[in-house]
N, C-alpha and C. Protein backbone atom coordinates (compact mmCIF):
# COMPACT_ATOMS: atom_id res chain seq x y z
N MET A 1 4.98 -21.05 -22.06
CA MET A 1 3.93 -20.06 -22.05
C MET A 1 2.84 -20.41 -23.06
N ASP A 2 3.17 -21.16 -24.09
CA ASP A 2 2.18 -21.49 -25.10
C ASP A 2 0.98 -22.22 -24.51
N LYS A 3 1.23 -23.14 -23.58
CA LYS A 3 0.13 -23.88 -22.96
C LYS A 3 -0.73 -22.96 -22.10
N ARG A 4 -0.09 -22.05 -21.38
CA ARG A 4 -0.85 -21.12 -20.52
C ARG A 4 -1.68 -20.16 -21.36
N LEU A 5 -1.14 -19.71 -22.47
CA LEU A 5 -1.90 -18.83 -23.34
C LEU A 5 -3.12 -19.57 -23.90
N GLN A 6 -2.95 -20.84 -24.24
CA GLN A 6 -4.08 -21.63 -24.73
C GLN A 6 -5.11 -21.83 -23.61
N GLN A 7 -4.65 -22.04 -22.37
CA GLN A 7 -5.57 -22.16 -21.23
C GLN A 7 -6.37 -20.87 -21.07
N PHE A 8 -5.69 -19.75 -21.23
CA PHE A 8 -6.38 -18.46 -21.12
C PHE A 8 -7.45 -18.32 -22.20
N LEU A 9 -7.10 -18.66 -23.45
CA LEU A 9 -8.07 -18.58 -24.54
C LEU A 9 -9.28 -19.46 -24.26
N ASP A 10 -9.03 -20.66 -23.75
CA ASP A 10 -10.13 -21.58 -23.43
C ASP A 10 -10.99 -21.02 -22.30
N ALA A 11 -10.34 -20.49 -21.27
CA ALA A 11 -11.08 -19.96 -20.12
C ALA A 11 -11.94 -18.76 -20.51
N GLU A 12 -11.42 -17.92 -21.40
CA GLU A 12 -12.16 -16.73 -21.82
C GLU A 12 -13.09 -17.01 -23.01
N ASN A 13 -12.97 -18.21 -23.57
CA ASN A 13 -13.79 -18.62 -24.71
C ASN A 13 -13.63 -17.64 -25.88
N ILE A 14 -12.36 -17.34 -26.19
CA ILE A 14 -12.07 -16.48 -27.34
C ILE A 14 -11.10 -17.20 -28.27
N SER A 15 -11.16 -16.85 -29.53
CA SER A 15 -10.29 -17.48 -30.53
C SER A 15 -8.96 -16.74 -30.62
N GLN A 16 -8.01 -17.37 -31.30
CA GLN A 16 -6.71 -16.74 -31.54
C GLN A 16 -6.89 -15.43 -32.29
N SER A 17 -7.74 -15.44 -33.28
CA SER A 17 -7.93 -14.22 -34.08
C SER A 17 -8.60 -13.12 -33.27
N GLN A 18 -9.54 -13.48 -32.40
CA GLN A 18 -10.16 -12.47 -31.54
C GLN A 18 -9.13 -11.85 -30.61
N LEU A 19 -8.24 -12.68 -30.07
CA LEU A 19 -7.19 -12.16 -29.19
C LEU A 19 -6.27 -11.23 -29.96
N ALA A 20 -5.87 -11.64 -31.13
CA ALA A 20 -4.98 -10.80 -31.96
C ALA A 20 -5.63 -9.45 -32.26
N ASP A 21 -6.90 -9.47 -32.62
CA ASP A 21 -7.60 -8.22 -32.92
C ASP A 21 -7.72 -7.34 -31.68
N THR A 22 -8.01 -7.94 -30.54
CA THR A 22 -8.14 -7.19 -29.29
C THR A 22 -6.82 -6.54 -28.91
N LEU A 23 -5.72 -7.28 -29.07
CA LEU A 23 -4.41 -6.78 -28.67
C LEU A 23 -3.76 -5.91 -29.73
N GLY A 24 -4.28 -5.97 -30.94
CA GLY A 24 -3.68 -5.20 -32.02
C GLY A 24 -2.38 -5.79 -32.51
N VAL A 25 -2.30 -7.12 -32.52
CA VAL A 25 -1.10 -7.80 -33.01
C VAL A 25 -1.49 -8.67 -34.20
N ALA A 26 -0.48 -9.13 -34.93
CA ALA A 26 -0.73 -9.98 -36.09
C ALA A 26 -1.29 -11.33 -35.64
N ARG A 27 -2.26 -11.81 -36.41
CA ARG A 27 -2.85 -13.10 -36.09
C ARG A 27 -1.81 -14.22 -36.16
N ALA A 28 -0.90 -14.10 -37.10
CA ALA A 28 0.15 -15.11 -37.21
C ALA A 28 1.04 -15.12 -35.97
N GLY A 29 1.20 -13.95 -35.35
CA GLY A 29 2.02 -13.86 -34.15
C GLY A 29 1.45 -14.70 -33.02
N ILE A 30 0.13 -14.67 -32.86
CA ILE A 30 -0.52 -15.48 -31.83
C ILE A 30 -0.33 -16.96 -32.16
N SER A 31 -0.51 -17.31 -33.41
CA SER A 31 -0.34 -18.69 -33.84
C SER A 31 1.08 -19.18 -33.56
N HIS A 32 2.07 -18.33 -33.83
CA HIS A 32 3.47 -18.71 -33.61
C HIS A 32 3.78 -18.87 -32.12
N ILE A 33 3.17 -18.05 -31.29
CA ILE A 33 3.38 -18.20 -29.84
C ILE A 33 2.76 -19.50 -29.37
N LEU A 34 1.53 -19.79 -29.83
CA LEU A 34 0.84 -21.01 -29.39
C LEU A 34 1.53 -22.28 -29.89
N SER A 35 2.19 -22.20 -31.03
CA SER A 35 2.89 -23.39 -31.55
C SER A 35 4.26 -23.56 -30.91
N GLY A 36 4.71 -22.55 -30.16
CA GLY A 36 6.03 -22.61 -29.54
C GLY A 36 7.13 -22.13 -30.44
N ARG A 37 6.79 -21.68 -31.64
CA ARG A 37 7.79 -21.21 -32.60
C ARG A 37 8.44 -19.91 -32.13
N ASN A 38 7.62 -18.99 -31.60
CA ASN A 38 8.13 -17.70 -31.12
C ASN A 38 7.76 -17.49 -29.66
N ARG A 39 8.55 -16.69 -29.01
CA ARG A 39 8.23 -16.25 -27.66
C ARG A 39 7.58 -14.88 -27.76
N PRO A 40 6.67 -14.57 -26.85
CA PRO A 40 6.01 -13.26 -26.92
C PRO A 40 6.99 -12.14 -26.61
N GLY A 41 6.82 -11.04 -27.32
CA GLY A 41 7.65 -9.87 -27.07
C GLY A 41 7.02 -8.95 -26.04
N PHE A 42 7.74 -7.90 -25.74
CA PHE A 42 7.27 -6.93 -24.74
C PHE A 42 5.93 -6.33 -25.14
N ASP A 43 5.77 -5.96 -26.40
CA ASP A 43 4.52 -5.34 -26.86
C ASP A 43 3.32 -6.25 -26.63
N PHE A 44 3.50 -7.54 -26.89
CA PHE A 44 2.43 -8.50 -26.67
C PHE A 44 2.08 -8.57 -25.19
N LEU A 45 3.10 -8.70 -24.34
CA LEU A 45 2.86 -8.81 -22.89
C LEU A 45 2.24 -7.54 -22.32
N GLU A 46 2.70 -6.40 -22.81
CA GLU A 46 2.13 -5.13 -22.36
C GLU A 46 0.65 -5.04 -22.76
N ALA A 47 0.33 -5.43 -23.97
CA ALA A 47 -1.06 -5.40 -24.44
C ALA A 47 -1.92 -6.36 -23.62
N MET A 48 -1.39 -7.53 -23.30
CA MET A 48 -2.14 -8.48 -22.46
C MET A 48 -2.45 -7.86 -21.10
N ALA A 49 -1.44 -7.23 -20.50
CA ALA A 49 -1.63 -6.62 -19.17
C ALA A 49 -2.65 -5.49 -19.22
N LEU A 50 -2.65 -4.73 -20.30
CA LEU A 50 -3.58 -3.60 -20.42
C LEU A 50 -5.01 -4.04 -20.74
N HIS A 51 -5.15 -5.01 -21.62
CA HIS A 51 -6.48 -5.44 -22.06
C HIS A 51 -7.12 -6.49 -21.16
N PHE A 52 -6.30 -7.21 -20.41
CA PHE A 52 -6.80 -8.25 -19.52
C PHE A 52 -6.17 -8.08 -18.13
N PRO A 53 -6.51 -7.01 -17.42
CA PRO A 53 -5.88 -6.75 -16.12
C PRO A 53 -6.20 -7.80 -15.06
N GLN A 54 -7.23 -8.60 -15.29
CA GLN A 54 -7.59 -9.63 -14.33
C GLN A 54 -6.66 -10.84 -14.39
N VAL A 55 -5.87 -10.95 -15.46
CA VAL A 55 -4.96 -12.08 -15.63
C VAL A 55 -3.65 -11.80 -14.90
N SER A 56 -3.20 -12.77 -14.17
CA SER A 56 -1.93 -12.64 -13.46
C SER A 56 -0.78 -12.79 -14.44
N MET A 57 0.03 -11.76 -14.54
CA MET A 57 1.20 -11.83 -15.42
C MET A 57 2.22 -12.82 -14.88
N ASP A 58 2.29 -12.99 -13.56
CA ASP A 58 3.19 -14.00 -12.99
C ASP A 58 2.80 -15.38 -13.50
N TRP A 59 1.50 -15.66 -13.49
CA TRP A 59 1.04 -16.96 -13.99
C TRP A 59 1.35 -17.09 -15.48
N LEU A 60 1.05 -16.07 -16.25
CA LEU A 60 1.25 -16.14 -17.69
C LEU A 60 2.72 -16.36 -18.05
N LEU A 61 3.61 -15.67 -17.36
CA LEU A 61 5.04 -15.77 -17.68
C LEU A 61 5.71 -17.00 -17.09
N THR A 62 5.37 -17.33 -15.84
CA THR A 62 6.11 -18.39 -15.14
C THR A 62 5.30 -19.63 -14.82
N GLY A 63 3.97 -19.50 -14.85
CA GLY A 63 3.12 -20.63 -14.48
C GLY A 63 2.89 -20.73 -12.99
N LYS A 64 3.41 -19.77 -12.23
CA LYS A 64 3.24 -19.80 -10.78
C LYS A 64 1.98 -19.04 -10.38
N GLY A 65 1.28 -19.59 -9.42
CA GLY A 65 0.08 -18.93 -8.93
C GLY A 65 -1.14 -19.29 -9.75
N ARG A 66 -2.13 -18.44 -9.68
CA ARG A 66 -3.40 -18.66 -10.36
C ARG A 66 -3.49 -17.83 -11.63
N MET A 67 -4.37 -18.26 -12.52
CA MET A 67 -4.54 -17.55 -13.78
C MET A 67 -5.08 -16.14 -13.54
N TYR A 68 -6.03 -16.03 -12.65
CA TYR A 68 -6.65 -14.73 -12.41
C TYR A 68 -6.22 -14.17 -11.06
N LYS A 69 -6.05 -12.87 -11.02
CA LYS A 69 -5.70 -12.20 -9.78
C LYS A 69 -6.88 -12.32 -8.83
N ASP A 70 -6.59 -12.44 -7.58
CA ASP A 70 -7.65 -12.47 -6.58
C ASP A 70 -8.19 -11.06 -6.43
N ALA A 71 -9.46 -10.93 -6.60
CA ALA A 71 -10.08 -9.61 -6.45
C ALA A 71 -10.37 -9.36 -4.99
N LEU A 72 -9.85 -8.27 -4.50
CA LEU A 72 -10.12 -7.88 -3.13
C LEU A 72 -11.40 -7.06 -3.10
N PRO A 73 -12.24 -7.29 -2.09
CA PRO A 73 -13.45 -6.49 -2.03
C PRO A 73 -13.10 -5.03 -1.78
N PRO A 74 -13.83 -4.12 -2.38
CA PRO A 74 -13.52 -2.70 -2.18
C PRO A 74 -13.75 -2.30 -0.72
N ALA A 75 -12.89 -1.44 -0.23
CA ALA A 75 -13.04 -0.96 1.14
C ALA A 75 -14.17 0.04 1.19
N PRO A 76 -14.98 -0.02 2.24
CA PRO A 76 -16.08 0.95 2.34
C PRO A 76 -15.53 2.36 2.52
N GLU A 77 -16.23 3.33 1.91
CA GLU A 77 -15.77 4.71 2.01
C GLU A 77 -15.95 5.26 3.41
N ASN A 78 -17.05 4.94 4.02
CA ASN A 78 -17.32 5.38 5.38
C ASN A 78 -17.58 4.16 6.25
N PRO A 79 -16.54 3.53 6.75
CA PRO A 79 -16.75 2.31 7.52
C PRO A 79 -17.57 2.60 8.78
N VAL A 80 -18.47 1.69 9.07
CA VAL A 80 -19.31 1.82 10.26
C VAL A 80 -18.71 0.93 11.33
N SER A 81 -18.40 1.53 12.46
CA SER A 81 -17.82 0.73 13.53
C SER A 81 -18.95 0.12 14.36
N ALA A 82 -18.65 -1.02 14.92
CA ALA A 82 -19.64 -1.71 15.74
C ALA A 82 -19.86 -0.90 17.02
N PRO A 83 -21.09 -0.90 17.50
CA PRO A 83 -21.35 -0.14 18.72
C PRO A 83 -20.59 -0.74 19.90
N LYS A 84 -20.15 0.11 20.78
CA LYS A 84 -19.44 -0.35 21.97
C LYS A 84 -20.46 -0.91 22.94
N LEU A 85 -20.23 -2.13 23.36
CA LEU A 85 -21.13 -2.77 24.30
C LEU A 85 -20.53 -2.73 25.69
N SER A 86 -21.38 -2.39 26.64
CA SER A 86 -20.89 -2.40 28.02
C SER A 86 -20.89 -3.84 28.52
N PRO A 87 -20.02 -4.13 29.45
CA PRO A 87 -19.99 -5.50 29.98
C PRO A 87 -21.35 -5.82 30.61
N ARG A 88 -21.92 -6.93 30.19
CA ARG A 88 -23.22 -7.32 30.72
C ARG A 88 -23.15 -8.76 31.20
N ARG A 89 -24.09 -9.08 32.07
CA ARG A 89 -24.17 -10.44 32.58
C ARG A 89 -25.56 -10.99 32.27
N VAL A 90 -25.62 -12.27 32.02
CA VAL A 90 -26.90 -12.93 31.75
C VAL A 90 -27.65 -13.03 33.06
N SER A 91 -28.92 -12.58 33.05
CA SER A 91 -29.72 -12.64 34.28
C SER A 91 -30.82 -13.70 34.20
N LYS A 92 -31.24 -14.06 32.98
CA LYS A 92 -32.32 -15.03 32.85
C LYS A 92 -32.21 -15.73 31.50
N ILE A 93 -32.50 -17.04 31.50
CA ILE A 93 -32.54 -17.82 30.27
C ILE A 93 -33.88 -18.53 30.22
N LEU A 94 -34.55 -18.41 29.09
CA LEU A 94 -35.80 -19.11 28.86
C LEU A 94 -35.57 -20.19 27.83
N VAL A 95 -36.04 -21.42 28.13
CA VAL A 95 -35.93 -22.53 27.19
C VAL A 95 -37.34 -22.95 26.83
N PHE A 96 -37.66 -22.89 25.55
CA PHE A 96 -38.98 -23.28 25.07
C PHE A 96 -38.91 -24.67 24.46
N TYR A 97 -39.89 -25.51 24.79
CA TYR A 97 -39.94 -26.88 24.29
C TYR A 97 -41.04 -27.01 23.24
N ASP A 98 -40.93 -28.07 22.43
CA ASP A 98 -41.90 -28.25 21.35
C ASP A 98 -43.30 -28.64 21.84
N ASP A 99 -43.45 -28.96 23.14
CA ASP A 99 -44.79 -29.25 23.67
C ASP A 99 -45.42 -28.01 24.29
N ASN A 100 -44.89 -26.84 23.89
CA ASN A 100 -45.40 -25.54 24.35
C ASN A 100 -45.19 -25.27 25.83
N THR A 101 -44.24 -25.92 26.44
CA THR A 101 -43.85 -25.61 27.81
C THR A 101 -42.51 -24.90 27.77
N PHE A 102 -42.14 -24.34 28.90
CA PHE A 102 -40.86 -23.65 28.98
C PHE A 102 -40.31 -23.76 30.39
N GLU A 103 -39.00 -23.47 30.49
CA GLU A 103 -38.33 -23.40 31.78
C GLU A 103 -37.59 -22.09 31.84
N GLU A 104 -37.55 -21.55 33.04
CA GLU A 104 -36.85 -20.29 33.27
C GLU A 104 -35.69 -20.54 34.21
N PHE A 105 -34.53 -20.08 33.83
CA PHE A 105 -33.33 -20.23 34.67
C PHE A 105 -32.81 -18.84 35.00
N GLN A 106 -32.48 -18.64 36.28
CA GLN A 106 -31.94 -17.34 36.70
C GLN A 106 -30.56 -17.49 37.28
């Protein structure tokens, strides 16, 4: 997890101390996680999930998937349905040429 946490810091362009301050954890704790000395505790992981909801916890914990969750576009509140088209048939086709002439097909 230490490498993934460092990837996250690099991607977000934040320092270890900024992350510690944001999460409300000891700065030394972040340093120990990044060095591999300590594993993150529940409080750290919970704070990460709350402060950085765009980060995939699956990726952070296991390395599987992508760093960021895929954002789904919001569903429209009042979806507009396409108008119902009656079956139609083509009756005429006009083809225009670059010499200003045309042909008509029926």
